[in-house]
């Protein structure tokens, strides 16, 4: 019994020495690849620049910018040019039963200019609504940017955690294979029973299953990383928390979220858009004043009858007052008022959601701190317990299954610590996102910030042109 336990202790010592050797080798490799390893801020920069979801939202915002010049078109004159050319056969019956025929070739060219002078403030309110839509769209874009950055943090830490877990499971499998091999040799020598071999075999199969699951999760996290960041993960550096950027208290975090979170500010702009739309609908009930000028020239030419033509120029002022349109304008006004009421309720809902998200993120972040501390303590205790079991096994006071159980407790504690460290990083970024400050400027990322107002000013006062500022 003492000899068997001593051999188990020797196995544990050899695996421990192997682990130390692997650790030294890993340190050397880490030193060599540290210069080319990718950090979390670098991954965030890639996601910010190349993520298709974020780029699609930027394109949507550029399309929203075009609502403003479309609304401003209501202030500008409308110019229409017309040209008509025809062939006309004429047959006239004159007194005395005289028939006269002719073939006319009429043509007409003209230009008409129409300028609206007053339309019940519809144009002014439409421009205001379009500008507010642009503001709301910018906040929605900022919210999507927060989500993409948070997704990048999540996939980055998942790759790191799953890679570390795979390495831990491989070390565990190596330990279990060595234990099984020694146990089989001792069984052949008659030192142990088949029960010891079966126990070692069962633990090895469990370890292989855990390793397979860890490798599957690692492969999935790599694919998700490539989807979000835009490139496959290479060597990744350990991620750090951003506690320095977080509010000092829960109350400060809530106040910051209600004031700056893009979902809240976007909902506020939506309320303004809906309120302005009421005045746009009411303008259909007001008088319209416009002035129209036209210049035209027409000719009818025939070799028999000679030619005649008309030159015409006119300026016409027009005032119209809707009397009754079947109730359409009234219905549109009532509808706009209900939409405005709905938008105010949505704003209240978004504020409550933002507050709940901050509280949840704050509690999760504080809980993640405790989880990491507890997992570290558990890890240290499991290491001490394994070392103690190994010593007791060397003295004949422990069996093979005791060492296996201690090793399983250690690998479980290690996996829990890996998960807690991952959750700790994600929780800190989630809290920053809940306050509305997960952006390039706050994180000080080394990439130019996308400025939607640049495109807005490029197209706002454009009177013509089919090409976009990007050249499309």
Protein backbone atom coordinates (compact mmCIF):
# COMPACT_ATOMS: atom_id res chain seq x y z
CA UNK A 1 0.00 0.00 0.00
CA UNK A 2 2.84 2.39 0.91
CA UNK A 3 4.71 1.54 -2.30
CA UNK A 4 1.59 2.11 -4.42
CA UNK A 5 0.93 5.45 -2.81
CA UNK A 6 4.55 6.42 -3.23
CA UNK A 7 4.35 5.70 -6.94
CA UNK A 8 1.22 7.81 -7.21
CA UNK A 9 3.13 10.58 -5.48
CA UNK A 10 5.97 10.15 -7.97
CA UNK A 11 3.47 10.51 -10.83
CA UNK A 12 2.15 13.71 -9.37
CA UNK A 13 5.66 15.09 -8.89
CA UNK A 14 6.61 14.26 -12.48
CA UNK A 15 3.50 15.94 -13.81
CA UNK A 16 4.20 18.95 -11.59
CA UNK A 17 7.76 19.17 -12.90
CA UNK A 18 6.42 18.82 -16.44
CA UNK A 19 3.99 21.63 -15.74
CA UNK A 20 6.84 23.80 -14.48
CA UNK A 21 8.80 23.02 -17.62
CA UNK A 22 5.81 23.88 -19.78
CA UNK A 23 5.39 27.07 -17.81
CA UNK A 24 9.02 28.07 -18.46
CA UNK A 25 8.58 27.30 -22.15
CA UNK A 26 5.32 29.23 -22.25
CA UNK A 27 7.02 32.23 -20.64
CA UNK A 28 9.74 32.13 -23.28
CA UNK A 29 7.17 31.93 -26.06
CA UNK A 30 5.16 34.77 -24.54
CA UNK A 31 8.29 36.92 -24.37
CA UNK A 32 9.01 36.20 -28.04
CA UNK A 33 5.44 36.96 -29.23
CA UNK A 34 4.68 39.86 -26.91
CA UNK A 35 5.70 42.37 -29.55
CA UNK A 36 3.27 41.01 -32.14
CA UNK A 37 0.44 40.06 -29.78
CA UNK A 38 -2.84 41.91 -30.31
CA UNK A 39 -4.33 43.89 -27.45
CA UNK A 40 -7.96 44.55 -26.67
CA UNK A 41 -7.79 48.24 -27.73
CA UNK A 42 -6.35 47.15 -31.09
CA UNK A 43 -9.20 44.69 -31.59
CA UNK A 44 -11.69 47.43 -30.73
CA UNK A 45 -10.12 49.68 -33.36
CA UNK A 46 -10.52 46.96 -36.01
CA UNK A 47 -14.15 46.41 -35.07
CA UNK A 48 -14.86 50.14 -35.09
CA UNK A 49 -13.38 50.52 -38.56
CA UNK A 50 -14.60 47.36 -40.33
CA UNK A 51 -17.66 45.95 -38.58
CA UNK A 52 -20.39 45.59 -41.25
CA UNK A 53 -23.23 46.29 -38.83
CA UNK A 54 -21.66 49.59 -37.80
CA UNK A 55 -20.81 50.55 -41.38
CA UNK A 56 -24.38 49.78 -42.45
CA UNK A 57 -25.69 52.04 -39.69
CA UNK A 58 -23.37 54.81 -40.87
CA UNK A 59 -24.79 54.44 -44.38
CA UNK A 60 -28.31 54.62 -42.95
CA UNK A 61 -27.41 57.84 -41.18
CA UNK A 62 -26.01 59.34 -44.37
CA UNK A 63 -29.32 58.52 -46.05
CA UNK A 64 -31.15 60.23 -43.17
CA UNK A 65 -29.06 63.36 -43.72
CA UNK A 66 -30.65 63.70 -47.15
CA UNK A 67 -34.03 64.40 -45.55
CA UNK A 68 -32.82 67.91 -44.73
CA UNK A 69 -32.03 69.09 -48.29
CA UNK A 70 -35.27 67.47 -49.42
CA UNK A 71 -37.17 69.56 -46.86
CA UNK A 72 -35.19 72.69 -47.76
CA UNK A 73 -36.30 72.22 -51.38
CA UNK A 74 -39.65 73.66 -50.30
CA UNK A 75 -37.99 77.10 -50.03
CA UNK A 76 -36.55 76.92 -53.53
CA UNK A 77 -38.20 77.60 -56.90
CA UNK A 78 -39.39 74.75 -59.09
CA UNK A 79 -38.35 75.14 -62.73
CA UNK A 80 -39.88 73.07 -65.50
CA UNK A 81 -38.96 73.25 -69.20
CA UNK A 82 -41.23 71.81 -71.86
CA UNK A 83 -40.89 71.06 -75.56
CA UNK A 84 -43.54 69.64 -77.85
CA UNK A 85 -43.36 68.88 -81.57
CA UNK A 86 -46.17 67.35 -83.63
CA UNK A 87 -47.70 66.67 -87.00
CA UNK A 88 -51.35 67.72 -87.48
CA UNK A 89 -53.62 67.10 -90.51
CA UNK A 90 -56.44 69.66 -91.01
CA UNK A 91 -59.43 69.40 -93.38
CA UNK A 92 -61.74 72.48 -93.52
CA UNK A 93 -65.08 72.65 -95.42
CA UNK A 94 -65.67 76.24 -96.51
CA UNK A 95 -68.86 77.86 -97.90
CA UNK A 96 -69.61 76.79 -101.44
CA UNK A 97 -68.60 73.28 -100.62
CA UNK A 98 -64.98 74.23 -100.92
CA UNK A 99 -62.62 71.78 -99.22
CA UNK A 100 -59.28 73.00 -97.92
CA UNK A 101 -56.70 70.70 -96.43
CA UNK A 102 -53.41 71.38 -94.75
CA UNK A 103 -50.71 69.60 -92.82
CA UNK A 104 -49.53 71.54 -89.80
CA UNK A 105 -46.26 71.00 -87.99
CA UNK A 106 -46.78 72.70 -84.65
CA UNK A 107 -44.09 73.02 -81.98
CA UNK A 108 -43.94 74.75 -78.65
CA UNK A 109 -41.19 75.45 -76.15
CA UNK A 110 -41.56 77.06 -72.76
CA UNK A 111 -40.20 77.48 -69.23
CA UNK A 112 -42.30 77.71 -66.08
CA UNK A 113 -40.98 78.85 -62.70
CA UNK A 114 -43.08 78.32 -59.57
CA UNK A 115 -42.16 79.77 -56.17
CA UNK A 116 -44.11 79.00 -53.01
CA UNK A 117 -44.42 82.06 -50.79
CA UNK A 118 -46.45 80.60 -47.94
CA UNK A 119 -47.71 77.09 -47.25
CA UNK A 120 -48.84 77.26 -43.65
CA UNK A 121 -45.25 76.98 -42.33
CA UNK A 122 -45.10 73.45 -43.74
CA UNK A 123 -41.61 73.88 -45.16
CA UNK A 124 -40.16 75.39 -41.99
CA UNK A 125 -41.61 72.65 -39.81
CA UNK A 126 -40.54 69.95 -42.27
CA UNK A 127 -36.97 71.23 -42.15
CA UNK A 128 -37.11 71.27 -38.36
CA UNK A 129 -38.43 67.70 -38.26
CA UNK A 130 -35.74 66.54 -40.69
CA UNK A 131 -32.99 68.13 -38.58
CA UNK A 132 -34.36 66.42 -35.48
CA UNK A 133 -34.42 63.11 -37.34
CA UNK A 134 -30.74 63.62 -38.11
CA UNK A 135 -30.03 64.22 -34.41
CA UNK A 136 -31.98 61.11 -33.45
CA UNK A 137 -30.17 59.09 -36.10
CA UNK A 138 -26.80 60.18 -34.79
CA UNK A 139 -27.70 58.97 -31.32
CA UNK A 140 -28.93 55.67 -32.78
CA UNK A 141 -25.60 55.36 -34.60
CA UNK A 142 -23.75 56.01 -31.36
CA UNK A 143 -25.83 53.33 -29.65
CA UNK A 144 -24.97 50.80 -32.35
CA UNK A 145 -21.31 51.76 -31.98
CA UNK A 146 -21.52 51.01 -28.26
CA UNK A 147 -23.05 47.62 -29.00
CA UNK A 148 -20.35 46.74 -31.54
CA UNK A 149 -17.55 47.72 -29.15
CA UNK A 150 -19.14 45.70 -26.36
CA UNK A 151 -19.51 42.72 -28.71
CA UNK A 152 -15.82 43.06 -29.57
CA UNK A 153 -14.90 43.04 -25.89
CA UNK A 154 -17.05 39.95 -25.37
CA UNK A 155 -15.59 37.94 -28.25
CA UNK A 156 -12.05 39.00 -27.34
CA UNK A 157 -12.36 37.84 -23.73
CA UNK A 158 -14.19 34.68 -24.83
CA UNK A 159 -11.30 33.72 -27.10
CA UNK A 160 -8.82 34.38 -24.31
CA UNK A 161 -10.83 32.44 -21.74
CA UNK A 162 -11.52 29.48 -24.03
CA UNK A 163 -7.90 29.30 -25.14
CA UNK A 164 -6.72 29.27 -21.53
CA UNK A 165 -9.31 26.65 -20.68
CA UNK A 166 -8.13 24.44 -23.56
CA UNK A 167 -4.57 24.67 -22.27
CA UNK A 168 -5.71 23.78 -18.76
CA UNK A 169 -7.73 20.81 -20.04
CA UNK A 170 -4.77 19.58 -22.09
CA UNK A 171 -2.55 19.68 -19.02
CA UNK A 172 -5.26 17.80 -17.14
CA UNK A 173 -5.46 15.12 -19.86
CA UNK A 174 -1.67 14.76 -19.80
CA UNK A 175 -1.81 14.20 -16.04
CA UNK A 176 -4.62 11.64 -16.39
CA UNK A 177 -2.85 9.75 -19.20
CA UNK A 178 0.31 9.50 -17.12
CA UNK A 179 -1.73 8.31 -14.15
CA UNK A 180 -3.49 5.67 -16.25
CA UNK A 181 -0.20 4.41 -17.73
CA UNK A 182 1.40 4.04 -14.30
CA UNK A 183 -1.72 2.37 -12.93
CA UNK A 184 -1.77 -0.17 -15.80
CA UNK A 185 1.89 -1.03 -15.22
CA UNK A 186 1.24 -1.49 -11.53
CA UNK A 187 -1.79 -3.66 -12.34
CA UNK A 188 0.41 -5.91 -14.45
CA UNK A 189 2.82 -6.08 -11.52
CA UNK A 190 -0.01 -6.98 -9.15
CA UNK A 191 0.33 -3.84 -7.01
CA UNK A 192 -3.22 -2.56 -7.65
CA UNK A 193 -6.61 -3.96 -8.47
CA UNK A 194 -8.63 -3.48 -11.70
CA UNK A 195 -10.72 -0.98 -9.77
CA UNK A 196 -7.82 1.50 -9.69
CA UNK A 197 -7.34 1.09 -13.43
CA UNK A 198 -11.04 1.61 -14.10
CA UNK A 199 -11.03 4.76 -12.00
CA UNK A 200 -8.05 6.15 -13.88
CA UNK A 201 -9.65 5.23 -17.22
CA UNK A 202 -12.95 6.87 -16.28
CA UNK A 203 -11.26 10.10 -15.23
CA UNK A 204 -9.23 10.16 -18.43
CA UNK A 205 -12.36 9.79 -20.57
CA UNK A 206 -14.01 12.58 -18.63
CA UNK A 207 -10.94 14.72 -19.17
CA UNK A 208 -10.98 13.97 -22.91
CA UNK A 209 -14.66 14.94 -23.09
CA UNK A 210 -13.98 18.19 -21.24
CA UNK A 211 -11.06 18.91 -23.55
CA UNK A 212 -13.23 18.30 -26.61
CA UNK A 213 -15.91 20.63 -25.29
CA UNK A 214 -13.30 23.29 -24.56
CA UNK A 215 -11.85 22.97 -28.07
CA UNK A 216 -15.32 23.27 -29.62
CA UNK A 217 -16.05 26.41 -27.61
CA UNK A 218 -12.67 27.81 -28.57
CA UNK A 219 -13.32 27.24 -32.28
CA UNK A 220 -16.77 28.85 -32.03
CA UNK A 221 -15.36 31.87 -30.20
CA UNK A 222 -12.67 32.27 -32.87
CA UNK A 223 -15.31 32.30 -35.63
CA UNK A 224 -17.42 34.81 -33.72
CA UNK A 225 -14.34 36.96 -33.17
CA UNK A 226 -13.67 37.06 -36.92
CA UNK A 227 -17.29 38.04 -37.55
CA UNK A 228 -17.27 40.95 -35.10
CA UNK A 229 -13.67 42.20 -35.37
CA UNK A 230 -13.14 41.45 -39.05
CA UNK A 231 -10.00 39.31 -38.76
CA UNK A 232 -9.22 35.95 -37.21
CA UNK A 233 -7.69 36.15 -33.73
CA UNK A 234 -3.96 35.70 -33.43
CA UNK A 235 -1.94 35.93 -30.24
CA UNK A 236 -4.04 37.97 -27.78
CA UNK A 237 -2.82 39.85 -24.76
CA UNK A 238 -4.65 39.59 -21.44
CA UNK A 239 -7.55 42.05 -21.24
CA UNK A 240 -7.81 44.62 -18.49
CA UNK A 241 -10.80 46.17 -16.79
CA UNK A 242 -11.70 49.86 -17.16
CA UNK A 243 -12.61 50.68 -13.57
CA UNK A 244 -10.83 54.04 -13.90
CA UNK A 245 -13.50 55.20 -16.37
CA UNK A 246 -16.51 54.10 -14.33
CA UNK A 247 -18.67 56.35 -12.09
CA UNK A 248 -17.91 56.33 -8.40
CA UNK A 249 -21.41 55.37 -7.27
CA UNK A 250 -24.55 53.73 -8.57
CA UNK A 251 -26.46 57.01 -8.31
CA UNK A 252 -23.85 58.79 -10.43
CA UNK A 253 -24.06 56.01 -13.01
CA UNK A 254 -27.86 56.30 -13.19
CA UNK A 255 -27.77 60.08 -13.54
CA UNK A 256 -25.12 59.81 -16.26
CA UNK A 257 -27.15 57.23 -18.16
CA UNK A 258 -30.35 59.28 -18.09
CA UNK A 259 -28.40 62.28 -19.32
CA UNK A 260 -26.03 60.80 -21.92
CA UNK A 261 -27.10 57.32 -22.98
CA UNK A 262 -27.75 57.41 -26.75
CA UNK A 263 -30.96 55.41 -26.49
CA UNK A 264 -32.40 58.01 -24.10
CA UNK A 265 -31.25 61.01 -26.10
CA UNK A 266 -32.49 59.44 -29.35
CA UNK A 267 -35.92 58.87 -27.80
CA UNK A 268 -35.94 62.51 -26.70
CA UNK A 269 -35.27 63.66 -30.25
CA UNK A 270 -38.03 61.33 -31.46
CA UNK A 271 -40.46 63.16 -29.18
CA UNK A 272 -39.42 66.47 -30.76
CA UNK A 273 -39.84 64.98 -34.25
CA UNK A 274 -43.34 63.78 -33.42
CA UNK A 275 -44.33 67.15 -31.92
CA UNK A 276 -43.08 68.99 -35.00
CA UNK A 277 -44.94 66.57 -37.26
CA UNK A 278 -48.20 67.81 -35.70
CA UNK A 279 -47.53 71.28 -37.07
CA UNK A 280 -46.62 69.80 -40.45
CA UNK A 281 -49.99 68.05 -40.56
CA UNK A 282 -51.84 71.21 -39.48
CA UNK A 283 -50.31 73.16 -42.35
CA UNK A 284 -52.59 71.30 -44.76
CA UNK A 285 -55.49 73.29 -43.28
CA UNK A 286 -53.86 76.67 -43.91
CA UNK A 287 -53.81 78.84 -47.06
CA UNK A 288 -51.13 78.50 -49.70
CA UNK A 289 -49.63 81.42 -51.61
CA UNK A 290 -47.48 80.95 -54.69
CA UNK A 291 -46.34 82.87 -57.73
CA UNK A 292 -45.74 81.34 -61.16
CA UNK A 293 -43.96 82.83 -64.14
CA UNK A 294 -43.84 81.30 -67.58
CA UNK A 295 -42.38 82.08 -71.01
CA UNK A 296 -43.33 80.14 -74.12
CA UNK A 297 -43.14 80.26 -77.90
CA UNK A 298 -45.31 78.23 -80.30
CA UNK A 299 -45.33 77.91 -84.09
CA UNK A 300 -47.59 76.26 -86.71
CA UNK A 301 -45.92 76.04 -90.11
CA UNK A 302 -47.49 75.08 -93.47
CA UNK A 303 -46.24 75.79 -96.98
CA UNK A 304 -49.78 76.39 -98.25
CA UNK A 305 -51.26 78.48 -95.49
CA UNK A 306 -48.08 80.24 -94.47
CA UNK A 307 -46.97 80.29 -90.84
CA UNK A 308 -48.23 81.80 -87.62
CA UNK A 309 -47.01 81.65 -84.04
CA UNK A 310 -47.46 82.94 -80.54
CA UNK A 311 -44.97 84.31 -78.01
CA UNK A 312 -46.28 84.46 -74.49
CA UNK A 313 -45.01 85.55 -71.07
CA UNK A 314 -47.01 85.61 -67.84
CA UNK A 315 -46.74 86.08 -64.09
CA UNK A 316 -49.57 84.63 -62.02
CA UNK A 317 -50.12 84.88 -58.31
CA UNK A 318 -52.24 82.22 -56.67
CA UNK A 319 -53.87 81.93 -53.25
CA UNK A 320 -55.68 78.75 -52.24
CA UNK A 321 -57.54 77.97 -49.04
CA UNK A 322 -58.61 74.39 -48.35
CA UNK A 323 -62.27 74.22 -47.40
CA UNK A 324 -62.95 70.54 -47.12
CA UNK A 325 -60.81 67.61 -48.26
CA UNK A 326 -62.98 64.79 -47.02
CA UNK A 327 -61.38 64.85 -43.55
CA UNK A 328 -57.89 63.73 -44.63
CA UNK A 329 -55.96 66.64 -43.08
CA UNK A 330 -57.94 66.45 -39.84
CA UNK A 331 -57.28 62.74 -39.57
CA UNK A 332 -53.56 63.23 -40.24
CA UNK A 333 -53.41 65.86 -37.50
CA UNK A 334 -55.10 63.59 -34.97
CA UNK A 335 -52.81 60.77 -36.01
CA UNK A 336 -49.72 62.94 -35.49
CA UNK A 337 -50.92 63.86 -32.00
CA UNK A 338 -51.31 60.20 -31.06
CA UNK A 339 -47.85 59.43 -32.43
CA UNK A 340 -46.46 62.26 -30.30
CA UNK A 341 -48.16 60.81 -27.22
CA UNK A 342 -46.74 57.41 -28.06
CA UNK A 343 -43.23 58.81 -28.45
CA UNK A 344 -43.42 60.40 -24.99
CA UNK A 345 -44.43 57.06 -23.50
CA UNK A 346 -41.57 55.38 -25.35
CA UNK A 347 -39.20 57.94 -23.86
CA UNK A 348 -40.40 57.05 -20.36
CA UNK A 349 -39.94 53.38 -21.15
CA UNK A 350 -36.41 53.91 -22.50
CA UNK A 351 -35.46 55.88 -19.40
CA UNK A 352 -36.69 53.07 -17.17
CA UNK A 353 -34.80 50.55 -19.28
CA UNK A 354 -31.64 52.62 -19.06
CA UNK A 355 -31.96 52.85 -15.29
CA UNK A 356 -32.53 49.11 -15.01
CA UNK A 357 -29.55 48.41 -17.26
CA UNK A 358 -27.29 50.56 -15.10
CA UNK A 359 -28.42 48.91 -11.88
CA UNK A 360 -27.99 45.45 -13.41
CA UNK A 361 -24.57 46.31 -14.81
CA UNK A 362 -23.46 47.86 -11.52
CA UNK A 363 -24.52 44.81 -9.50
CA UNK A 364 -22.96 42.46 -12.05
CA UNK A 365 -19.69 44.38 -11.95
CA UNK A 366 -19.55 44.32 -8.15
CA UNK A 367 -20.47 40.64 -8.16
CA UNK A 368 -17.75 39.91 -10.72
CA UNK A 369 -15.17 41.45 -8.37
CA UNK A 370 -16.28 39.13 -5.56
CA UNK A 371 -16.35 36.15 -7.93
CA UNK A 372 -12.76 36.75 -9.04
CA UNK A 373 -11.57 37.10 -5.44
CA UNK A 374 -13.41 33.95 -4.37
CA UNK A 375 -12.16 32.00 -7.39
CA UNK A 376 -8.58 33.04 -6.72
CA UNK A 377 -8.91 31.87 -3.13
CA UNK A 378 -10.48 28.62 -4.31
CA UNK A 379 -7.65 28.13 -6.80
CA UNK A 380 -4.97 28.63 -4.16
CA UNK A 381 -6.77 26.30 -1.75
CA UNK A 382 -7.11 23.63 -4.45
CA UNK A 383 -3.39 23.85 -5.22
CA UNK A 384 -2.56 23.47 -1.55
CA UNK A 385 -4.99 20.57 -1.23
CA UNK A 386 -3.49 18.78 -4.24
CA UNK A 387 0.02 19.20 -2.89
CA UNK A 388 -1.13 17.88 0.49
CA UNK A 389 -2.86 14.87 -1.05
CA UNK A 390 0.26 14.12 -3.08
CA UNK A 391 2.38 14.15 0.07
CA UNK A 392 -0.10 12.00 1.94
CA UNK A 393 -0.23 9.61 -1.00
CA UNK A 394 3.55 9.36 -0.87
CA UNK A 395 3.20 8.39 2.78
CA UNK A 396 0.58 5.77 2.03
CA UNK A 397 -2.30 7.70 3.57
CA UNK A 398 -4.09 8.43 0.27
CA UNK A 399 -5.13 6.35 -2.70
CA UNK A 400 -5.09 6.91 -6.44
CA UNK A 401 -8.68 8.12 -6.48
CA UNK A 402 -7.84 10.72 -3.81
CA UNK A 403 -5.17 12.22 -6.04
CA UNK A 404 -7.56 12.12 -9.00
CA UNK A 405 -10.26 13.87 -6.99
CA UNK A 406 -7.84 16.57 -5.87
CA UNK A 407 -6.72 17.09 -9.45
CA UNK A 408 -10.36 17.35 -10.59
CA UNK A 409 -11.05 19.93 -7.89
CA UNK A 410 -8.05 21.92 -9.08
CA UNK A 411 -9.08 21.90 -12.76
CA UNK A 412 -12.64 22.87 -11.77
CA UNK A 413 -11.35 25.77 -9.70
CA UNK A 414 -9.11 26.81 -12.57
CA UNK A 415 -12.03 26.82 -15.01
CA UNK A 416 -14.14 28.83 -12.58
CA UNK A 417 -11.33 31.39 -12.17
CA UNK A 418 -10.95 31.71 -15.95
CA UNK A 419 -14.67 32.37 -16.30
CA UNK A 420 -14.69 34.85 -13.44
CA UNK A 421 -11.80 36.82 -14.92
CA UNK A 422 -13.56 36.94 -18.29
CA UNK A 423 -16.84 38.05 -16.68
CA UNK A 424 -14.98 40.71 -14.71
CA UNK A 425 -13.69 42.42 -17.85
CA UNK A 426 -17.01 42.17 -19.68
CA UNK A 427 -18.90 43.50 -16.66
CA UNK A 428 -16.74 46.64 -16.46
CA UNK A 429 -17.27 47.42 -20.16
CA UNK A 430 -20.98 46.63 -19.84
CA UNK A 431 -21.32 49.16 -17.03
CA UNK A 432 -19.53 51.81 -19.10
CA UNK A 433 -21.89 51.02 -21.99
CA UNK A 434 -24.91 51.32 -19.69
CA UNK A 435 -23.83 54.85 -18.79
CA UNK A 436 -23.58 55.75 -22.48
CA UNK A 437 -19.82 56.36 -22.60
CA UNK A 438 -18.47 53.29 -24.37
CA UNK A 439 -17.01 55.14 -27.33
CA UNK A 440 -13.74 55.86 -29.09
CA UNK A 441 -13.13 59.13 -27.27
CA UNK A 442 -13.66 57.77 -23.76
CA UNK A 443 -11.57 54.66 -24.42
CA UNK A 444 -8.89 56.78 -26.11
CA UNK A 445 -8.64 54.35 -29.02
CA UNK A 446 -6.02 55.08 -31.65
CA UNK A 447 -8.40 55.61 -34.54
CA UNK A 448 -10.16 58.66 -35.99
CA UNK A 449 -13.66 59.03 -34.65
CA UNK A 450 -16.40 58.77 -37.28
CA UNK A 451 -18.04 62.20 -37.47
CA UNK A 452 -21.53 62.01 -39.03
CA UNK A 453 -21.83 65.80 -39.09
CA UNK A 454 -19.17 65.96 -41.83
CA UNK A 455 -21.47 64.30 -44.37
CA UNK A 456 -24.42 66.31 -43.10
CA UNK A 457 -22.75 69.63 -43.88
CA UNK A 458 -21.61 68.32 -47.26
CA UNK A 459 -25.17 67.66 -48.43
CA UNK A 460 -27.33 70.06 -46.43
CA UNK A 461 -27.16 72.99 -48.83
CA UNK A 462 -26.59 71.03 -52.03
CA UNK A 463 -28.92 72.38 -54.75
CA UNK A 464 -28.04 69.73 -57.32
CA UNK A 465 -25.73 66.81 -58.07
CA UNK A 466 -26.29 63.08 -58.25
CA UNK A 467 -22.96 61.89 -56.85
CA UNK A 468 -22.54 61.34 -53.14
CA UNK A 469 -19.65 63.04 -51.29
CA UNK A 470 -17.87 59.65 -51.34
CA UNK A 471 -17.99 59.68 -55.14
CA UNK A 472 -20.69 57.08 -55.69
